[in-house]
Amino acid sequence: MAGEFGYVYILTNPSMPGLVKVGKTTTTPNQRMSELHSTGVPTPFELEFSISVNDCHKAERSAQMIQLRAVAAELLRLDRRLLVAG
């Protein structure tokens, strides 16, 4: 089964400092940002990165796995610092 063409994007929002949203859309990143702003978020999202892909569902899962690994690695580094400091 062929994938669905779309975009994978990374968004930030000034109302949520330090957080990023990794997502996918089959429209455009700008259209998706407009949809997300209508969900009650106080400030609009800002597009940090986007890329067109042949299978946006698979690409989003891969991007989120990379993000989870990075978060886990940072937590492990933080934990080691606490152990050394403690």
N, C-alpha and C. Protein backbone atom coordinates (compact mmCIF):
# COMPACT_ATOMS: atom_id res chain seq x y z
N MET A 1 0.84 -1.18 0.00
CA MET A 1 0.00 0.00 0.00
C MET A 1 0.88 1.24 0.00
N ALA A 2 0.61 2.16 -0.88
CA ALA A 2 1.40 3.39 -0.99
C ALA A 2 1.05 4.34 0.15
N GLY A 3 2.05 5.12 0.54
CA GLY A 3 1.83 6.12 1.57
C GLY A 3 1.05 7.31 1.03
N GLU A 4 0.72 8.20 1.93
CA GLU A 4 -0.04 9.39 1.55
C GLU A 4 0.90 10.60 1.56
N PHE A 5 0.97 11.31 0.43
CA PHE A 5 1.82 12.49 0.33
C PHE A 5 1.38 13.54 1.33
N GLY A 6 2.34 14.23 1.90
CA GLY A 6 2.03 15.31 2.83
C GLY A 6 3.29 15.96 3.34
N TYR A 7 3.18 16.55 4.50
CA TYR A 7 4.29 17.26 5.13
C TYR A 7 4.44 16.81 6.57
N VAL A 8 5.67 16.78 7.02
CA VAL A 8 5.98 16.64 8.44
C VAL A 8 6.51 18.01 8.85
N TYR A 9 6.07 18.49 10.02
CA TYR A 9 6.44 19.83 10.43
C TYR A 9 6.84 19.87 11.90
N ILE A 10 7.54 20.93 12.24
CA ILE A 10 7.87 21.22 13.64
C ILE A 10 7.36 22.63 13.90
N LEU A 11 6.52 22.77 14.93
CA LEU A 11 5.96 24.06 15.30
C LEU A 11 6.36 24.42 16.72
N THR A 12 6.46 25.71 16.98
CA THR A 12 6.62 26.21 18.34
C THR A 12 5.51 27.22 18.59
N ASN A 13 5.34 27.55 19.86
CA ASN A 13 4.31 28.51 20.22
C ASN A 13 4.82 29.35 21.39
N PRO A 14 4.78 30.68 21.27
CA PRO A 14 5.27 31.53 22.36
C PRO A 14 4.53 31.29 23.68
N SER A 15 3.32 30.78 23.62
CA SER A 15 2.56 30.50 24.84
C SER A 15 3.01 29.22 25.52
N MET A 16 3.86 28.44 24.84
CA MET A 16 4.35 27.17 25.39
C MET A 16 5.87 27.10 25.23
N PRO A 17 6.60 27.97 25.94
CA PRO A 17 8.06 28.00 25.77
C PRO A 17 8.71 26.66 26.10
N GLY A 18 9.69 26.30 25.29
CA GLY A 18 10.42 25.06 25.52
C GLY A 18 9.77 23.82 24.94
N LEU A 19 8.57 23.96 24.38
CA LEU A 19 7.88 22.81 23.80
C LEU A 19 7.83 22.93 22.29
N VAL A 20 7.84 21.79 21.61
CA VAL A 20 7.66 21.77 20.16
C VAL A 20 6.57 20.78 19.82
N LYS A 21 5.90 21.04 18.71
CA LYS A 21 4.90 20.09 18.20
C LYS A 21 5.44 19.51 16.91
N VAL A 22 5.57 18.20 16.89
CA VAL A 22 5.95 17.48 15.69
C VAL A 22 4.68 16.85 15.15
N GLY A 23 4.37 17.13 13.90
CA GLY A 23 3.12 16.59 13.35
C GLY A 23 3.20 16.39 11.85
N LYS A 24 2.05 16.02 11.31
CA LYS A 24 1.95 15.77 9.86
C LYS A 24 0.66 16.41 9.37
N THR A 25 0.63 16.66 8.07
CA THR A 25 -0.59 17.15 7.44
C THR A 25 -0.58 16.74 5.98
N THR A 26 -1.76 16.53 5.47
CA THR A 26 -1.89 16.24 4.04
C THR A 26 -2.29 17.50 3.28
N THR A 27 -2.45 18.62 4.00
CA THR A 27 -2.71 19.90 3.32
C THR A 27 -1.38 20.64 3.24
N THR A 28 -1.25 21.76 3.92
CA THR A 28 0.03 22.48 3.99
C THR A 28 0.30 22.80 5.45
N PRO A 29 1.55 23.00 5.81
CA PRO A 29 1.84 23.38 7.20
C PRO A 29 1.12 24.67 7.62
N ASN A 30 1.02 25.65 6.73
CA ASN A 30 0.31 26.88 7.08
C ASN A 30 -1.17 26.63 7.35
N GLN A 31 -1.80 25.77 6.56
CA GLN A 31 -3.20 25.43 6.79
C GLN A 31 -3.35 24.72 8.14
N ARG A 32 -2.43 23.82 8.44
CA ARG A 32 -2.48 23.09 9.72
C ARG A 32 -2.30 24.05 10.89
N MET A 33 -1.38 25.02 10.76
CA MET A 33 -1.19 25.99 11.83
C MET A 33 -2.48 26.79 12.06
N SER A 34 -3.16 27.12 10.99
CA SER A 34 -4.43 27.84 11.10
C SER A 34 -5.48 26.99 11.84
N GLU A 35 -5.53 25.70 11.51
CA GLU A 35 -6.47 24.80 12.19
C GLU A 35 -6.14 24.69 13.67
N LEU A 36 -4.86 24.59 14.00
CA LEU A 36 -4.46 24.46 15.40
C LEU A 36 -4.75 25.73 16.19
N HIS A 37 -4.62 26.88 15.55
CA HIS A 37 -4.88 28.14 16.26
C HIS A 37 -6.35 28.26 16.64
N SER A 38 -7.22 27.61 15.89
CA SER A 38 -8.65 27.68 16.20
C SER A 38 -9.06 26.74 17.33
N THR A 39 -8.08 26.04 17.94
CA THR A 39 -8.40 25.11 19.03
C THR A 39 -8.35 25.77 20.40
N GLY A 40 -8.17 27.09 20.45
CA GLY A 40 -8.16 27.80 21.72
C GLY A 40 -6.78 28.12 22.24
N VAL A 41 -5.74 27.85 21.47
CA VAL A 41 -4.39 28.23 21.87
C VAL A 41 -4.31 29.76 21.81
N PRO A 42 -3.80 30.42 22.86
CA PRO A 42 -3.86 31.89 22.89
C PRO A 42 -3.03 32.61 21.83
N THR A 43 -1.96 32.00 21.35
CA THR A 43 -1.14 32.64 20.32
C THR A 43 -0.93 31.66 19.16
N PRO A 44 -0.72 32.18 17.96
CA PRO A 44 -0.53 31.30 16.80
C PRO A 44 0.78 30.51 16.90
N PHE A 45 0.77 29.33 16.32
CA PHE A 45 1.98 28.53 16.21
C PHE A 45 2.91 29.17 15.19
N GLU A 46 4.20 28.90 15.34
CA GLU A 46 5.21 29.37 14.40
C GLU A 46 5.87 28.16 13.76
N LEU A 47 6.00 28.20 12.45
CA LEU A 47 6.60 27.09 11.71
C LEU A 47 8.12 27.19 11.81
N GLU A 48 8.73 26.16 12.37
CA GLU A 48 10.19 26.10 12.49
C GLU A 48 10.81 25.30 11.35
N PHE A 49 10.09 24.27 10.90
CA PHE A 49 10.64 23.38 9.86
C PHE A 49 9.49 22.60 9.25
N SER A 50 9.60 22.35 7.94
CA SER A 50 8.67 21.42 7.30
C SER A 50 9.37 20.79 6.11
N ILE A 51 8.91 19.60 5.78
CA ILE A 51 9.46 18.89 4.63
C ILE A 51 8.34 18.09 3.99
N SER A 52 8.31 18.07 2.66
CA SER A 52 7.32 17.26 1.96
C SER A 52 7.84 15.83 1.89
N VAL A 53 6.94 14.90 2.09
CA VAL A 53 7.31 13.48 2.12
C VAL A 53 6.26 12.65 1.37
N ASN A 54 6.67 11.51 0.88
CA ASN A 54 5.75 10.64 0.15
C ASN A 54 4.80 9.87 1.06
N ASP A 55 5.20 9.63 2.31
CA ASP A 55 4.35 8.93 3.28
C ASP A 55 4.40 9.71 4.59
N CYS A 56 3.49 10.66 4.74
CA CYS A 56 3.53 11.54 5.91
C CYS A 56 3.25 10.80 7.21
N HIS A 57 2.48 9.74 7.17
CA HIS A 57 2.17 8.99 8.39
C HIS A 57 3.42 8.29 8.91
N LYS A 58 4.15 7.63 8.03
CA LYS A 58 5.38 6.94 8.40
C LYS A 58 6.46 7.95 8.83
N ALA A 59 6.57 9.04 8.10
CA ALA A 59 7.58 10.05 8.42
C ALA A 59 7.32 10.68 9.78
N GLU A 60 6.05 10.93 10.11
CA GLU A 60 5.72 11.51 11.42
C GLU A 60 6.09 10.54 12.54
N ARG A 61 5.78 9.27 12.38
CA ARG A 61 6.14 8.28 13.41
C ARG A 61 7.66 8.26 13.61
N SER A 62 8.41 8.30 12.52
CA SER A 62 9.87 8.29 12.62
C SER A 62 10.37 9.54 13.34
N ALA A 63 9.82 10.70 12.99
CA ALA A 63 10.24 11.95 13.63
C ALA A 63 9.91 11.94 15.12
N GLN A 64 8.76 11.41 15.48
CA GLN A 64 8.39 11.35 16.89
C GLN A 64 9.27 10.38 17.66
N MET A 65 9.67 9.29 17.04
CA MET A 65 10.59 8.34 17.70
C MET A 65 11.93 9.01 17.95
N ILE A 66 12.42 9.78 16.99
CA ILE A 66 13.68 10.50 17.18
C ILE A 66 13.53 11.49 18.33
N GLN A 67 12.40 12.18 18.39
CA GLN A 67 12.14 13.14 19.45
C GLN A 67 12.10 12.43 20.81
N LEU A 68 11.45 11.29 20.90
CA LEU A 68 11.39 10.54 22.15
C LEU A 68 12.76 10.08 22.60
N ARG A 69 13.58 9.63 21.66
CA ARG A 69 14.94 9.21 22.01
C ARG A 69 15.74 10.38 22.54
N ALA A 70 15.58 11.55 21.94
CA ALA A 70 16.30 12.74 22.40
C ALA A 70 15.86 13.13 23.81
N VAL A 71 14.57 13.07 24.06
CA VAL A 71 14.06 13.39 25.40
C VAL A 71 14.58 12.38 26.41
N ALA A 72 14.55 11.11 26.07
CA ALA A 72 15.04 10.07 26.98
C ALA A 72 16.52 10.27 27.25
N ALA A 73 17.29 10.60 26.23
CA ALA A 73 18.73 10.82 26.42
C ALA A 73 18.97 12.00 27.34
N GLU A 74 18.20 13.06 27.18
CA GLU A 74 18.36 14.23 28.05
C GLU A 74 17.99 13.89 29.48
N LEU A 75 16.94 13.11 29.66
CA LEU A 75 16.57 12.71 31.02
C LEU A 75 17.67 11.85 31.65
N LEU A 76 18.27 10.99 30.86
CA LEU A 76 19.36 10.18 31.40
C LEU A 76 20.56 11.05 31.77
N ARG A 77 20.87 12.04 30.95
CA ARG A 77 21.98 12.94 31.26
C ARG A 77 21.68 13.71 32.53
N LEU A 78 20.47 14.20 32.67
CA LEU A 78 20.08 14.94 33.85
C LEU A 78 20.18 14.04 35.07
N ASP A 79 19.71 12.81 34.97
CA ASP A 79 19.76 11.87 36.08
C ASP A 79 21.21 11.63 36.51
N ARG A 80 22.12 11.48 35.57
CA ARG A 80 23.52 11.28 35.91
C ARG A 80 24.08 12.50 36.64
N ARG A 81 23.71 13.69 36.21
CA ARG A 81 24.19 14.91 36.89
C ARG A 81 23.69 14.95 38.32
N LEU A 82 22.44 14.57 38.51
CA LEU A 82 21.90 14.57 39.88
C LEU A 82 22.64 13.57 40.75
N LEU A 83 22.96 12.42 40.19
CA LEU A 83 23.69 11.42 40.97
C LEU A 83 25.08 11.93 41.36
N VAL A 84 25.75 12.61 40.45
CA VAL A 84 27.07 13.13 40.73
C VAL A 84 26.98 14.25 41.75
N ALA A 85 25.96 15.13 41.59
CA ALA A 85 25.82 16.26 42.50
C ALA A 85 25.37 15.81 43.88
N GLY A 86 24.61 14.72 43.93
CA GLY A 86 24.04 14.26 45.21
C GLY A 86 25.06 13.58 46.00
